[in-house]
Protein backbone atom coordinates (compact mmCIF):
# COMPACT_ATOMS: atom_id res chain seq x y z
CA MET A 1 0.00 0.00 0.00
CA LYS A 2 1.38 3.39 -1.05
CA ILE A 3 1.66 6.54 0.99
CA TYR A 4 0.38 9.48 -1.04
CA ALA A 5 0.46 13.24 -0.58
CA VAL A 6 -2.10 15.51 -2.22
CA VAL A 7 -0.58 18.99 -2.30
CA ALA A 8 -2.68 22.07 -3.11
CA HIS A 9 -0.48 24.85 -4.49
CA TYR A 10 -1.02 28.48 -5.45
CA ASP A 11 1.47 31.22 -6.23
CA VAL A 12 0.46 34.73 -7.26
CA ASP A 13 3.38 34.92 -9.72
CA ASP A 14 2.89 31.43 -11.19
CA LYS A 15 6.05 30.05 -9.60
CA ILE A 16 7.12 27.13 -7.46
CA ASP A 17 9.47 28.97 -5.15
CA ALA A 18 12.57 27.63 -3.47
CA ASN A 19 10.97 27.26 -0.02
CA PHE A 20 8.06 25.23 -1.37
CA ARG A 21 10.45 22.96 -3.28
CA VAL A 22 12.06 22.02 0.04
CA ILE A 23 8.60 21.08 1.37
CA LEU A 24 8.11 18.86 -1.70
CA SER A 25 11.51 17.24 -1.19
CA ALA A 26 10.63 16.39 2.42
CA LEU A 27 7.33 14.87 1.28
CA GLU A 28 9.19 12.85 -1.34
CA GLN A 29 11.30 11.35 1.41
CA VAL A 30 8.29 9.89 3.25
CA CYS A 31 5.79 9.34 0.42
CA ASP A 32 5.62 6.94 -2.51
CA GLN A 33 3.65 9.37 -4.72
CA ILE A 34 2.84 13.08 -4.62
CA ILE A 35 -0.09 14.59 -6.49
CA LEU A 36 0.72 18.29 -6.90
CA VAL A 37 -2.39 20.27 -7.85
CA SER A 38 -1.64 23.89 -8.72
CA THR A 39 -4.04 26.70 -9.54
CA SER A 40 -1.18 28.76 -10.96
CA SER A 41 -0.13 28.85 -14.61
CA ILE A 42 3.25 27.30 -13.97
CA PRO A 43 5.58 27.25 -17.01
CA ALA A 44 6.69 23.80 -18.10
CA ALA A 45 10.27 24.56 -17.04
CA GLU A 46 9.08 25.23 -13.46
CA ILE A 47 7.18 21.96 -13.01
CA PRO A 48 9.07 19.53 -10.73
CA LYS A 49 10.86 16.76 -12.62
CA SER A 50 10.45 13.76 -10.36
CA HIS A 51 9.07 10.28 -10.96
CA LYS A 52 7.31 10.60 -7.63
CA ILE A 53 5.41 13.79 -8.51
CA THR A 54 2.34 14.01 -10.74
CA THR A 55 1.51 17.66 -11.48
CA ILE A 56 -2.02 18.78 -12.35
CA LEU A 57 -2.75 22.39 -13.34
CA ARG A 58 -6.31 23.65 -12.95
CA PRO A 59 -8.23 26.98 -12.87
CA ASN A 60 -7.94 29.04 -9.71
CA ILE A 61 -11.38 28.32 -8.25
CA GLY A 62 -12.56 26.45 -5.19
CA TYR A 63 -9.58 27.26 -3.00
CA ASP A 64 -7.49 24.40 -1.59
CA PHE A 65 -10.39 22.02 -1.04
CA TYR A 66 -11.23 21.83 -4.72
CA SER A 67 -7.56 21.05 -5.35
CA TYR A 68 -7.83 18.33 -2.72
CA ARG A 69 -10.83 16.95 -4.59
CA VAL A 70 -8.91 16.88 -7.88
CA GLY A 71 -5.88 15.33 -6.20
CA LEU A 72 -7.87 12.67 -4.35
CA ASP A 73 -9.54 11.67 -7.61
CA GLU A 74 -6.07 11.13 -9.08
CA VAL A 75 -5.00 9.12 -6.02
CA GLU A 76 -7.97 6.83 -6.54
CA ARG A 77 -7.12 6.50 -10.22
CA GLN A 78 -3.53 5.51 -9.43
CA GLY A 79 -4.70 3.05 -6.77
CA ASP A 80 -2.97 0.87 -4.15
CA VAL A 81 -3.82 3.50 -1.52
CA GLY A 82 -2.58 3.18 2.04
CA ARG A 83 -2.50 6.58 3.77
CA VAL A 84 -2.86 10.05 2.27
CA PHE A 85 -1.31 13.33 3.40
CA ILE A 86 -3.37 16.45 2.67
CA VAL A 87 -1.06 19.47 2.37
CA ASN A 88 -1.31 23.02 1.04
CA SER A 89 1.18 25.77 0.26
CA SER A 90 0.07 28.09 3.07
CA PHE A 91 3.19 27.73 5.22
CA PHE A 92 6.91 28.39 5.01
CA LEU A 93 9.50 25.80 5.99
CA LEU A 94 12.11 26.99 8.49
CA ASP A 95 13.71 23.69 9.52
CA ARG A 96 13.58 20.73 7.12
CA ASN A 97 14.70 18.15 9.68
CA LYS A 98 12.02 19.12 12.19
CA PHE A 99 9.38 19.10 9.47
CA LEU A 100 10.53 15.67 8.31
CA ALA A 101 10.37 14.41 11.90
CA ALA A 102 6.80 15.74 12.13
CA LEU A 103 5.78 13.83 9.00
CA ASN A 104 7.28 10.63 10.36
CA GLU A 105 5.60 11.18 13.72
CA MET A 106 2.25 11.52 11.93
CA LEU A 107 2.89 8.21 10.16
CA SER A 108 3.69 6.56 13.49
CA LYS A 109 0.28 7.36 14.98
CA ASP A 110 -2.96 5.35 14.88
CA LYS A 111 -3.56 4.33 11.25
CA ASN A 112 -7.32 4.55 11.71
CA ALA A 113 -7.24 8.14 12.97
CA VAL A 114 -6.91 11.43 11.16
CA ILE A 115 -3.68 13.08 12.23
CA GLY A 116 -3.04 16.81 12.06
CA ILE A 117 -0.67 19.36 13.49
CA THR A 118 -3.13 21.83 15.01
CA ALA A 119 -6.82 21.95 15.88
CA SER A 120 -9.03 24.97 16.48
CA LYS A 121 -12.15 25.49 18.59
CA GLN A 122 -13.31 28.47 16.55
CA ILE A 123 -17.00 27.87 15.71
CA PHE A 124 -16.59 24.09 16.16
CA LEU A 125 -13.67 21.84 17.08
CA HIS A 126 -11.85 21.03 13.84
CA MET A 127 -8.51 19.94 12.50
CA GLN A 128 -6.81 22.67 10.48
CA SER A 129 -6.46 21.47 6.92
CA TYR A 130 -3.04 22.76 5.86
CA LEU A 131 -1.45 19.44 6.91
CA MET A 132 -3.37 16.27 7.75
CA LEU A 133 -2.91 12.52 7.33
CA LEU A 134 -5.86 10.31 6.38
CA GLY A 135 -5.99 6.58 7.05
CA LYS A 136 -7.06 4.00 4.47
CA ASN A 137 -10.27 3.43 6.41
CA VAL A 138 -11.22 7.07 5.81
CA PHE A 139 -10.12 7.15 2.17
CA ASP A 140 -12.13 4.01 1.34
CA ALA A 141 -15.31 5.06 3.19
CA VAL A 142 -18.40 5.81 1.10
CA TRP A 143 -19.23 8.83 3.28
CA PHE A 144 -15.75 10.27 2.61
CA LYS A 145 -16.09 9.82 -1.15
CA ASP A 146 -19.50 11.48 -1.00
CA PHE A 147 -17.96 14.39 0.91
CA VAL A 148 -15.15 14.78 -1.62
CA ASN A 149 -17.60 14.68 -4.54
CA SER A 150 -19.69 17.38 -2.87
CA ILE A 151 -16.84 19.92 -2.86
CA GLN A 152 -17.77 22.92 -5.02
CA PRO A 153 -16.52 26.50 -5.42
CA HIS A 154 -17.87 29.05 -2.95
CA ASN A 155 -17.86 32.82 -2.90
CA SER A 156 -15.57 33.33 0.09
CA LYS A 157 -12.80 31.70 2.07
CA PHE A 158 -15.06 31.75 5.14
CA GLU A 159 -17.68 29.62 3.33
CA ILE A 160 -14.96 27.12 2.43
CA ILE A 161 -13.86 26.90 6.08
CA ILE A 162 -17.43 26.40 7.31
CA ASN A 163 -18.46 23.86 4.68
CA TYR A 164 -15.28 21.87 4.23
CA GLU A 165 -12.65 22.40 6.91
CA ILE A 166 -15.11 22.47 9.81
CA GLY A 167 -17.58 20.30 7.89
CA PHE A 168 -14.95 17.59 7.38
CA SER A 169 -14.10 17.39 11.08
CA ARG A 170 -17.78 17.17 11.98
CA LEU A 171 -18.16 14.37 9.44
CA LEU A 172 -15.17 12.51 10.88
CA LEU A 173 -16.55 12.71 14.40
CA ALA A 174 -20.01 11.66 13.22
CA ASN A 175 -18.41 8.53 11.74
CA HIS A 176 -16.43 7.82 14.92
CA ILE A 177 -13.03 8.66 13.48
CA LYS A 178 -10.49 9.70 16.08
CA LEU A 179 -8.84 13.12 15.59
CA VAL A 180 -5.23 13.37 16.77
CA ARG A 181 -3.26 16.63 16.82
CA LEU A 182 0.48 16.71 17.36
CA PHE A 183 0.63 20.21 18.75
CA VAL A 184 -0.33 20.22 22.42
CA PRO A 185 0.69 23.54 24.00
CA THR A 186 2.36 23.61 27.40
CA TRP A 187 0.59 25.43 30.20
CA SER A 188 2.92 28.42 29.87
CA VAL A 189 2.29 28.63 26.11
CA LYS A 190 -1.45 28.21 26.68
CA LEU A 191 -1.63 30.95 29.32
CA SER A 192 0.40 33.34 27.16
CA ALA A 193 -1.80 32.62 24.14
CA MET A 194 -5.03 33.08 26.12
CA LEU A 195 -3.75 36.41 27.45
CA ASN A 196 -2.82 37.69 24.00
CA TRP A 197 -6.04 36.39 22.43
CA GLY A 198 -8.08 37.93 25.26
CA LEU A 199 -6.46 41.31 24.67
CA LYS A 200 -7.24 40.95 20.96
CA LEU A 201 -10.88 40.16 21.73
CA ILE A 202 -11.12 43.28 23.91
CA GLU A 203 -9.50 45.32 21.15
CA LEU A 204 -12.05 44.02 18.62
CA ASN A 205 -15.14 44.22 20.83
CA GLY A 206 -14.30 46.90 23.41
CA LEU A 207 -14.16 46.63 27.18
CA ALA A 208 -17.91 45.98 27.21
CA SER A 209 -17.10 42.54 25.79
CA ILE A 210 -16.13 41.50 29.33
CA SER A 211 -19.51 42.38 30.85
CA ARG A 212 -21.41 41.00 27.84
CA GLY A 213 -19.70 37.62 28.18
CA ILE A 214 -18.02 37.80 24.76
CA LEU A 215 -14.56 37.39 26.26
CA PHE A 216 -15.54 34.30 28.28
CA LYS A 217 -17.42 32.78 25.31
CA HIS A 218 -14.55 33.07 22.82
CA ILE A 219 -11.40 32.93 24.95
CA ARG A 220 -10.79 29.25 24.10
CA GLU A 221 -11.14 29.82 20.35
CA ILE A 222 -7.41 30.35 19.95
CA ASN A 223 -5.92 30.01 16.50
CA TRP A 224 -2.74 28.19 17.48
CA VAL A 225 -0.93 28.74 14.20
CA HIS A 226 -0.86 32.43 15.22
CA PHE A 227 -0.66 32.49 19.01
CA GLY A 228 1.43 29.33 19.20
CA ALA A 229 3.61 30.20 16.21
CA GLU A 230 6.90 30.21 18.13
CA GLU A 231 6.23 26.81 19.69
CA ILE A 232 5.15 25.38 16.31
CA VAL A 233 8.37 26.56 14.67
CA TRP A 234 10.41 25.07 17.53
CA GLN A 235 8.60 21.71 17.39
CA PHE A 236 7.74 21.25 13.70
CA GLY A 237 9.95 23.65 11.77
CA PHE A 238 7.37 25.73 9.88
CA VAL A 239 5.31 28.90 10.18
CA LYS A 240 2.00 29.69 8.53
CA SER A 241 2.50 32.24 5.76
CA GLU A 242 -0.26 34.57 6.99
CA VAL A 243 1.59 34.97 10.29
CA VAL A 244 4.66 36.44 8.59
CA ARG A 245 2.85 38.02 5.62
CA THR A 246 -0.02 40.02 7.16
CA ASN A 247 0.22 39.05 10.85
CA PRO A 248 -3.42 39.96 11.56
CA HIS A 249 -3.06 39.33 15.31
CA GLN A 250 0.28 41.16 15.57
CA VAL A 251 2.17 38.30 17.23
CA LYS A 252 5.86 38.88 17.95
CA LEU A 253 8.09 37.28 15.28
CA ALA A 254 11.62 37.89 16.56
CA PHE A 255 11.95 34.16 17.32
CA ILE A 256 12.08 33.22 13.64
CA GLU A 257 15.65 34.35 13.06
CA LYS A 258 16.81 32.46 16.15
CA GLN A 259 15.23 29.08 15.43
CA ALA A 260 15.32 28.77 11.65
CA ASP A 261 17.69 27.65 8.93
CA ALA A 262 19.27 30.76 7.38
CA ASN A 263 18.76 29.60 3.78
CA LEU A 264 15.10 28.79 4.39
CA VAL A 265 14.57 32.17 6.06
CA ALA A 266 16.15 33.83 3.02
CA ASN A 267 13.83 31.84 0.73
CA MET A 268 10.85 32.91 2.81
CA LYS A 269 11.85 36.57 2.75
CA GLU A 270 12.26 36.47 -1.01
CA ALA A 271 8.77 34.98 -1.40
CA LEU A 272 7.35 37.65 0.93
CA ARG A 273 9.11 40.43 -0.98
CA ARG A 274 7.91 39.06 -4.31
CA THR A 275 4.27 38.83 -3.23
CA PHE A 276 4.17 42.01 -1.14
CA GLY A 277 0.98 43.98 -1.75
CA ASN A 278 -1.02 40.98 -2.95
CA TYR A 279 -2.35 40.07 0.50
CA GLU A 280 -4.11 41.96 3.26
CA ALA A 281 -5.66 41.06 6.59
CA SER A 282 -9.45 41.21 6.45
CA ALA A 283 -11.70 42.28 9.32
CA ASP A 284 -12.39 38.67 10.32
CA GLY A 285 -8.68 37.93 10.78
CA LEU A 286 -8.35 35.90 7.61
CA THR A 287 -5.78 36.81 5.00
CA LYS A 288 -7.36 38.05 1.79
CA LEU A 289 -5.77 37.85 -1.65
CA VAL A 290 -5.78 41.20 -3.47
CA LEU A 291 -4.90 41.06 -7.16
CA GLN A 292 -4.69 43.92 -9.63
CA LYS A 293 -5.15 41.80 -12.72
CA PHE A 294 -7.88 40.64 -15.05
CA PRO A 295 -9.19 38.07 -14.74
CA LEU A 296 -8.61 36.59 -11.31
CA CYS A 297 -9.59 33.30 -12.92
CA LYS A 298 -10.86 32.13 -16.30
CA VAL A 299 -12.94 29.00 -16.89
CA GLN A 300 -13.85 28.00 -20.40
CA SER A 301 -16.17 25.42 -21.93
CA GLY A 302 -15.74 25.00 -25.68
CA ARG A 303 -13.46 26.70 -28.20
CA VAL A 304 -14.25 30.37 -28.84
CA ALA A 305 -14.59 32.02 -32.26
CA ARG A 306 -14.91 28.82 -34.24
CA PRO A 307 -15.38 29.21 -38.01
CA GLY A 308 -18.97 30.26 -38.68
CA VAL A 309 -19.49 31.85 -35.25
CA ARG A 310 -19.79 35.58 -35.90
CA VAL A 311 -21.80 36.59 -32.80
CA ALA A 312 -20.73 36.97 -29.17
CA VAL A 313 -22.61 37.97 -26.04
CA VAL A 314 -20.90 39.63 -23.06
CA VAL A 315 -22.81 39.34 -19.77
CA HIS A 316 -21.84 40.85 -16.44
CA LEU A 317 -23.59 38.61 -13.89
CA PHE A 318 -24.01 40.31 -10.53
CA TYR A 319 -27.43 38.88 -9.72
CA GLU A 320 -27.16 35.13 -10.27
CA ASP A 321 -30.94 34.65 -10.00
CA LEU A 322 -31.30 36.48 -13.34
CA LEU A 323 -29.19 33.91 -15.19
CA GLU A 324 -32.22 31.88 -16.26
CA GLU A 325 -33.96 35.01 -17.54
CA ILE A 326 -30.95 35.97 -19.66
CA THR A 327 -30.50 32.41 -20.92
CA ALA A 328 -34.13 32.31 -22.06
CA GLU A 329 -33.74 35.62 -23.92
CA LEU A 330 -30.58 34.37 -25.64
CA GLY A 331 -32.72 31.66 -27.23
CA ASN A 332 -33.80 34.37 -29.69
CA ILE A 333 -30.34 34.38 -31.27
CA ILE A 334 -30.90 31.65 -33.83
CA GLU A 335 -27.38 31.41 -35.19
CA PRO A 336 -24.30 30.06 -33.33
CA PHE A 337 -22.86 32.40 -30.73
CA ASP A 338 -20.31 32.44 -27.90
CA VAL A 339 -20.92 33.84 -24.42
CA PHE A 340 -18.41 35.65 -22.21
CA VAL A 341 -19.49 36.13 -18.59
CA THR A 342 -17.84 38.31 -15.97
CA THR A 343 -18.81 37.83 -12.32
CA PRO A 344 -17.36 38.42 -8.85
CA PHE A 345 -18.99 35.24 -7.51
CA GLU A 346 -16.83 32.14 -7.65
CA GLY A 347 -19.64 29.97 -6.34
CA ALA A 348 -21.71 30.81 -9.41
CA LEU A 349 -19.23 29.34 -11.91
CA PRO A 350 -20.65 25.79 -12.19
CA ASN A 351 -24.21 27.07 -12.60
CA ILE A 352 -23.14 29.61 -15.24
CA ILE A 353 -21.31 27.00 -17.31
CA ASN A 354 -24.08 24.42 -16.99
CA THR A 355 -26.91 26.84 -17.77
CA LEU A 356 -25.41 28.75 -20.69
CA SER A 357 -23.85 25.70 -22.34
CA SER A 358 -27.35 24.72 -23.46
CA ARG A 359 -27.46 27.85 -25.65
CA ALA A 360 -23.93 28.85 -26.61
CA GLN A 361 -21.19 27.23 -28.68
CA ALA A 362 -18.61 28.22 -26.08
CA VAL A 363 -18.97 29.68 -22.59
CA THR A 364 -16.09 31.55 -20.97
CA VAL A 365 -16.42 32.80 -17.40
CA TYR A 366 -14.08 35.40 -15.96
CA LEU A 367 -13.88 35.77 -12.19
CA ILE A 368 -13.32 39.46 -11.42
CA GLU A 369 -13.38 41.85 -8.49
CA ASN A 370 -16.60 43.81 -8.02
CA LYS A 371 -15.29 47.11 -9.35
CA GLY A 372 -16.85 49.38 -11.96
CA ARG A 373 -20.22 47.58 -12.00
CA ASP A 374 -20.78 46.14 -15.49
CA ILE A 375 -18.58 48.77 -17.17
CA GLY A 376 -15.27 47.96 -15.48
CA PRO A 377 -15.32 44.23 -16.30
CA PHE A 378 -16.53 44.94 -19.85
CA ILE A 379 -13.68 47.38 -20.55
CA LEU A 380 -11.08 44.98 -19.18
CA LEU A 381 -12.51 42.11 -21.25
CA TYR A 382 -12.74 44.19 -24.42
CA ARG A 383 -9.15 45.37 -24.10
CA THR A 384 -7.89 41.75 -24.17
CA GLY A 385 -8.87 41.58 -27.87
CA ILE A 386 -10.84 38.37 -27.45
CA LEU A 387 -13.97 40.00 -28.96
CA ASP A 388 -12.17 41.23 -32.08
CA PRO A 389 -12.98 38.24 -34.35
CA TYR A 390 -16.76 38.71 -34.08
CA THR A 391 -19.05 40.60 -36.47
CA ALA A 392 -21.57 41.52 -33.76
CA VAL A 393 -21.32 41.59 -29.97
CA LEU A 394 -24.17 42.11 -27.52
CA LYS A 395 -23.37 43.73 -24.16
CA LEU A 396 -25.78 42.74 -21.36
CA HIS A 397 -25.84 42.78 -17.58
CA THR A 398 -28.17 41.83 -14.76
CA LYS A 399 -29.51 45.34 -14.19
CA ARG A 400 -31.75 45.75 -11.16
CA SER A 401 -31.81 49.54 -10.49
CA LYS A 402 -32.88 48.85 -6.91
CA TYR A 403 -33.31 52.56 -6.23
CA SER A 404 -36.51 52.46 -8.35
CA SER A 405 -39.64 50.32 -8.26
CA ASN A 406 -39.47 50.27 -12.09
CA GLY A 407 -36.04 48.65 -12.16
CA ASP A 408 -37.20 45.17 -13.19
CA PHE A 409 -39.58 46.62 -15.78
CA TRP A 410 -36.78 48.63 -17.38
CA ARG A 411 -34.42 45.65 -17.52
CA ARG A 412 -37.04 43.52 -19.25
CA GLU A 413 -37.77 46.35 -21.69
CA ILE A 414 -34.08 46.56 -22.59
CA TYR A 415 -33.80 42.79 -23.03
CA ARG A 416 -36.93 42.87 -25.19
CA GLY A 417 -35.56 45.71 -27.31
CA LEU A 418 -32.25 43.94 -27.93
CA LEU A 419 -33.34 40.29 -27.96
CA GLY A 420 -37.11 40.40 -28.47
CA GLY A 421 -37.51 37.73 -31.12
CA SER A 422 -35.43 35.80 -33.61
CA LYS A 423 -36.22 38.19 -36.49
CA LEU A 424 -35.22 41.21 -34.42
CA THR A 425 -31.83 39.75 -33.45
CA HIS A 426 -31.26 38.51 -37.01
CA ASP A 427 -31.94 42.00 -38.38
CA ILE A 428 -29.63 43.67 -35.84
CA ILE A 429 -26.77 41.28 -36.65
CA ASN A 430 -27.24 41.89 -40.37
CA LEU A 431 -27.27 45.65 -39.71
CA LEU A 432 -23.88 45.40 -37.99
CA GLU A 433 -22.54 43.58 -41.05
CA GLN A 434 -22.88 46.83 -42.95
CA PRO A 435 -19.46 48.55 -43.08
CA ASN A 436 -20.69 51.90 -41.73
CA ILE A 437 -22.61 50.67 -38.65
CA GLY A 438 -20.81 50.60 -35.28
CA MET A 439 -23.49 50.41 -32.57
CA VAL A 440 -27.16 49.44 -32.39
CA GLY A 441 -29.23 50.23 -29.31
CA ILE A 442 -32.75 51.07 -28.23
CA GLY A 443 -33.67 54.48 -29.63
CA GLN A 444 -36.07 55.52 -26.88
CA TYR A 445 -33.34 55.01 -24.25
CA TYR A 446 -30.72 57.10 -26.05
CA LEU A 447 -30.18 60.11 -23.78
CA SER A 448 -28.79 63.41 -25.09
CA HIS A 449 -30.22 66.13 -22.86
CA GLU A 450 -27.58 68.20 -21.03
CA GLN A 451 -29.03 67.17 -17.67
CA TYR A 452 -27.69 63.66 -18.25
CA TRP A 453 -24.11 64.83 -18.01
CA GLY A 454 -24.62 64.61 -14.27
CA ALA A 455 -21.25 64.82 -12.50
CA ASP A 456 -19.46 63.02 -15.33
CA LYS A 457 -18.61 65.63 -17.99
CA ASP A 458 -15.05 66.38 -16.86
CA ASN A 459 -14.14 62.70 -16.68
CA VAL A 460 -15.72 62.06 -20.09
CA ILE A 461 -13.67 64.86 -21.64
CA LYS A 462 -10.44 63.48 -20.13
CA LEU A 463 -11.13 60.03 -21.58
CA LEU A 464 -12.08 61.40 -25.02
CA LEU A 465 -8.95 63.57 -25.13
CA GLU A 466 -6.74 60.62 -24.26
CA MET A 467 -8.31 58.57 -27.10
CA ASN A 468 -8.00 61.53 -29.53
CA VAL A 469 -11.77 61.43 -30.03
CA VAL A 470 -12.04 65.18 -29.36
CA LYS A 471 -9.50 68.00 -29.59
CA GLN A 472 -8.47 70.29 -26.76
CA ASP A 473 -11.23 72.83 -25.95
CA GLU A 474 -13.67 70.94 -28.20
CA GLU A 475 -17.10 70.46 -26.61
CA PRO A 476 -18.11 66.78 -26.81
CA GLN A 477 -21.62 65.81 -27.82
CA LEU A 478 -23.59 63.97 -25.17
CA GLY A 479 -25.37 60.83 -26.27
CA PHE A 480 -25.44 57.35 -24.78
CA PHE A 481 -27.67 54.31 -24.44
CA ALA A 482 -28.90 54.44 -20.84
CA GLY A 483 -28.57 51.13 -19.07
CA SER A 484 -25.28 50.49 -20.96
CA MET A 485 -26.68 47.58 -22.98
CA PHE A 486 -26.34 47.53 -26.77
CA TRP A 487 -25.04 45.66 -29.81
CA PHE A 488 -21.74 46.77 -31.32
CA LYS A 489 -19.01 46.01 -33.83
CA PRO A 490 -15.69 45.40 -31.98
CA LEU A 491 -13.70 47.64 -34.35
CA ALA A 492 -15.96 50.58 -33.53
CA LEU A 493 -14.68 50.77 -29.95
CA SER A 494 -10.99 50.16 -30.64
CA PRO A 495 -9.78 53.52 -29.17
CA LEU A 496 -10.73 52.11 -25.76
CA LYS A 497 -7.57 50.01 -26.03
CA THR A 498 -5.41 53.16 -26.11
CA ILE A 499 -6.40 54.44 -22.67
CA SER A 500 -3.63 54.08 -20.09
CA ALA A 501 -4.30 51.25 -17.67
CA ASP A 502 -3.59 53.73 -14.85
CA HIS A 503 -6.66 55.68 -15.95
CA LEU A 504 -8.90 52.61 -15.83
CA ILE A 505 -8.59 51.70 -12.17
CA PHE A 506 -12.16 51.29 -11.01
CA PRO A 507 -12.76 51.71 -7.26
CA PRO A 508 -14.75 49.12 -5.29
CA GLU A 509 -18.51 49.43 -5.76
CA ASN A 510 -20.14 51.71 -3.16
CA GLY A 511 -23.62 52.24 -4.61
CA MET A 512 -23.06 55.71 -6.12
CA GLN A 513 -25.62 56.59 -8.80
CA ASP A 514 -23.44 59.16 -10.57
CA GLY A 515 -19.95 60.63 -10.79
CA THR A 516 -17.92 57.41 -10.97
CA LEU A 517 -15.43 56.31 -13.63
CA ALA A 518 -18.00 53.71 -14.74
CA HIS A 519 -20.60 56.44 -15.38
CA ALA A 520 -18.05 58.40 -17.41
CA VAL A 521 -17.05 55.42 -19.56
CA GLU A 522 -20.73 54.67 -20.21
CA ARG A 523 -20.96 58.10 -21.86
CA VAL A 524 -18.00 57.70 -24.23
CA PHE A 525 -19.03 54.62 -26.24
CA CYS A 526 -21.14 56.41 -28.87
CA ASN A 527 -18.62 59.23 -29.35
CA VAL A 528 -15.85 56.67 -29.85
CA SER A 529 -17.86 54.78 -32.46
CA ARG A 530 -18.58 57.94 -34.47
CA GLN A 531 -14.97 59.09 -34.34
CA GLN A 532 -14.04 55.76 -35.91
CA GLY A 533 -16.41 56.51 -38.78
CA PHE A 534 -19.27 54.26 -37.65
CA ALA A 535 -22.89 55.26 -37.20
CA VAL A 536 -24.74 54.78 -33.93
CA THR A 537 -28.27 53.69 -34.71
CA SER A 538 -31.31 51.64 -33.74
CA LEU A 539 -33.13 48.91 -35.61
CA LEU A 540 -36.02 51.31 -36.26
CA LEU A 541 -33.63 53.84 -37.82
CA ALA A 542 -32.18 51.10 -40.04
CA GLY A 543 -28.66 52.54 -40.10
CA VAL A 544 -29.39 56.28 -39.90
CA ASP A 545 -27.29 57.82 -37.11
CA ILE A 546 -29.45 58.58 -34.11
CA THR A 547 -28.12 62.15 -33.94
CA ASN A 548 -30.28 62.86 -37.01
CA VAL A 549 -33.49 62.46 -35.01
CA GLU A 550 -34.89 64.23 -31.97
CA THR A 551 -33.77 62.53 -28.74
CA VAL A 552 -33.49 65.44 -26.30
CA ASN A 553 -36.80 64.54 -24.62
CA ASN A 554 -35.99 60.85 -24.18
CA LYS A 555 -36.26 59.47 -20.64
CA VAL A 556 -35.92 56.16 -18.89
CA PRO A 557 -38.43 54.54 -16.52
CA VAL A 558 -36.21 54.75 -13.44
CA LEU A 559 -35.43 58.49 -13.57
């Protein structure tokens, strides 16, 4: 029977750094096979060359537990399973010999138990999942396989902890599996940790937390990888990366230099320097990944822009419950089309792929931060050039306009005006085939009255100047499709690719109804299309530019 290790890996720079390679080498010494599952785009030259290591690259969704699922499936495929280590890349090695001794100590314990390094009483007693050892009796159990098969992406790290880290320990206890932790703090370490954690609780909840019983209720919920960090380094030779990276509980770290291997400390410092700025401590004490790139993750079903596919649909999905409504409307596009979805919700990915695959030739989902509403993600997607091969592209989003009771009515009216029947969509696509047509929207929602500049005029002018759409001191013409949904020809918006990335940094969404960068960008689309020599029209106008008709009195239902 083989000893396996399933290792979940992620690196913000798509690397396998020197410190992590030492962890792998220690695992190789005690394991027969290692299944390395990485959610980073590791270059072929970086992938470990070892007969003991099988490397699987996958999209960056589902956190470590989805990597565990993928790795455990591969373990079952390879077979002859004895015991299985579950490991992730969330710690730095500081002493290889101590770490190796810890692995061997885990193997020496009860083969029918689940062995870990630390346990936590936060919310519910659970083994912490960065390093565990499963026995064959667990791996072979039907209830364990059902648990593994149930692992799905979620929208937050906290949901993963509740459903899978804590959920797994509860499942183990329910099936009478013994949990064994190697780290048992001494009384002096325990008292010191309780004191420091108690002070932290008072800092978070105020002195009133003592009288309200909060301190007494939570004082035993110590996260030992933080408050027992020095003892863990001394016993097991590693430190959790969040302790040295963001240190949310501000534990003292002077001990590291005294107890650690100098080369491993240097490796750790290099990794910290390289990833500085990509992590921050969130309010709940967890370390949050902060990335300034698009997309955070991309999941694709089918090959995009196949021969004969001339239509694409871009959907920003903020309200997942509207997915079925959009999918039904897309049934009115009677020729092959691809769909590109942007969303901040990782947990929605499986449903998006499954639902839209019934309509589209290819479905590509981009996980993004919730910045710039539908406009920010659209601009970032457009600037990648992936829409360039298409003749006609439809921009949609799950508009709710919650500030108005007419919000749902307006959304349905827009969908109806852009997708209301197979003949309508066919005619719009054919209209965009004409060489002089750049955009097609709903005429009655084209706004051109001066009042609709709002607080956006200065920002619009700056963007138009940067794209050379207007000249200095030239007064731009206001005109835009309210709701920011329309059909367009990709070439018509090409100046958007010339804007400096520094000028397209969208702030986090805060509910503002005017004056944001997103509102300004919404007002430049039509001007950009005309500057490129393309008309902005509606199906009713049949190619005549909408500036040739009276639109100054147009309104929308929510204003």
